Amino acid sequence: MQIAEIASLEVILIVLAVGLVVFGSSKIPKIARGLGSAKSEFEKGIKEGQQASTPAEDKNQTDTPAS
């Protein structure tokens, strides 16, 4: 089974309709904002982690004596 078969337009519309019924129209924007801010915080943390690990790697490479 391919992804294109699973993610057809009908399935996406059904999932959105069920989400609307379960959460209600007033909570959907709040959920979307929460997911958006969580995504941006996650990307920010990944970026900070990469920046923090880069100087440490450079320091370890300069501290080791050449053989």
Protein backbone atom coordinates (compact mmCIF):
# COMPACT_ATOMS: atom_id res chain seq x y z
CA MET A 1 0.00 0.00 0.00
CA GLN A 2 1.44 3.36 -0.98
CA ILE A 3 1.20 6.63 0.91
CA ALA A 4 -0.81 8.19 -1.91
CA GLU A 5 -3.53 5.61 -1.33
CA ILE A 6 -3.66 6.30 2.41
CA ALA A 7 -3.59 10.11 2.23
CA SER A 8 -6.31 10.58 -0.33
CA LEU A 9 -8.42 13.71 -0.25
CA GLU A 10 -11.44 11.85 1.13
CA VAL A 11 -9.47 10.49 4.10
CA ILE A 12 -8.04 13.91 4.90
CA LEU A 13 -11.51 15.48 4.80
CA ILE A 14 -12.93 12.75 7.06
CA VAL A 15 -10.13 13.25 9.61
CA LEU A 16 -10.69 17.02 9.59
CA ALA A 17 -14.44 16.57 10.03
CA VAL A 18 -13.95 14.18 12.96
CA GLY A 19 -11.48 16.61 14.53
CA LEU A 20 -13.99 19.41 14.19
CA VAL A 21 -16.71 17.34 15.84
CA VAL A 22 -14.47 16.12 18.67
CA PHE A 23 -12.73 19.38 19.54
CA GLY A 24 -15.27 21.95 18.39
CA SER A 25 -14.72 24.97 16.23
CA SER A 26 -13.46 27.18 19.06
CA LYS A 27 -10.63 24.88 20.16
CA ILE A 28 -9.17 24.12 16.72
CA PRO A 29 -7.32 27.48 16.41
CA LYS A 30 -5.94 27.11 19.94
CA ILE A 31 -4.66 23.64 19.13
CA ALA A 32 -3.10 24.87 15.88
CA ARG A 33 -1.36 27.76 17.68
CA GLY A 34 -0.06 25.37 20.32
CA LEU A 35 1.30 22.99 17.69
CA GLY A 36 2.91 25.88 15.83
CA SER A 37 4.63 27.25 18.92
CA ALA A 38 5.76 23.76 19.94
CA LYS A 39 7.27 23.24 16.49
CA SER A 40 9.12 26.55 16.61
CA GLU A 41 10.43 25.85 20.12
CA PHE A 42 11.60 22.41 19.01
CA GLU A 43 13.44 23.86 16.00
CA LYS A 44 14.96 26.56 18.23
CA GLY A 45 16.19 23.91 20.66
CA ILE A 46 17.70 21.84 17.86
CA LYS A 47 19.49 24.93 16.51
CA GLU A 48 20.83 25.86 19.95
CA GLY A 49 21.97 22.29 20.53
CA GLN A 50 23.87 22.25 17.27
CA GLN A 51 25.51 25.59 18.05
CA ALA A 52 26.47 24.44 21.54
CA SER A 53 28.01 21.19 20.31
CA THR A 54 30.03 22.78 17.49
CA PRO A 55 32.49 24.79 19.67
CA ALA A 56 33.02 21.80 21.95
CA GLU A 57 33.94 19.63 18.98
CA ASP A 58 36.35 22.28 17.70
CA LYS A 59 37.94 22.58 21.15
CA ASN A 60 38.44 18.82 21.39
CA GLN A 61 40.13 18.76 17.99
CA THR A 62 42.61 21.54 18.94
CA ASP A 63 43.43 20.08 22.38
CA THR A 64 44.60 16.74 21.05
CA PRO A 65 48.32 16.61 20.25
CA ALA A 66 49.29 15.76 16.69
CA SER A 67 50.87 12.30 16.36
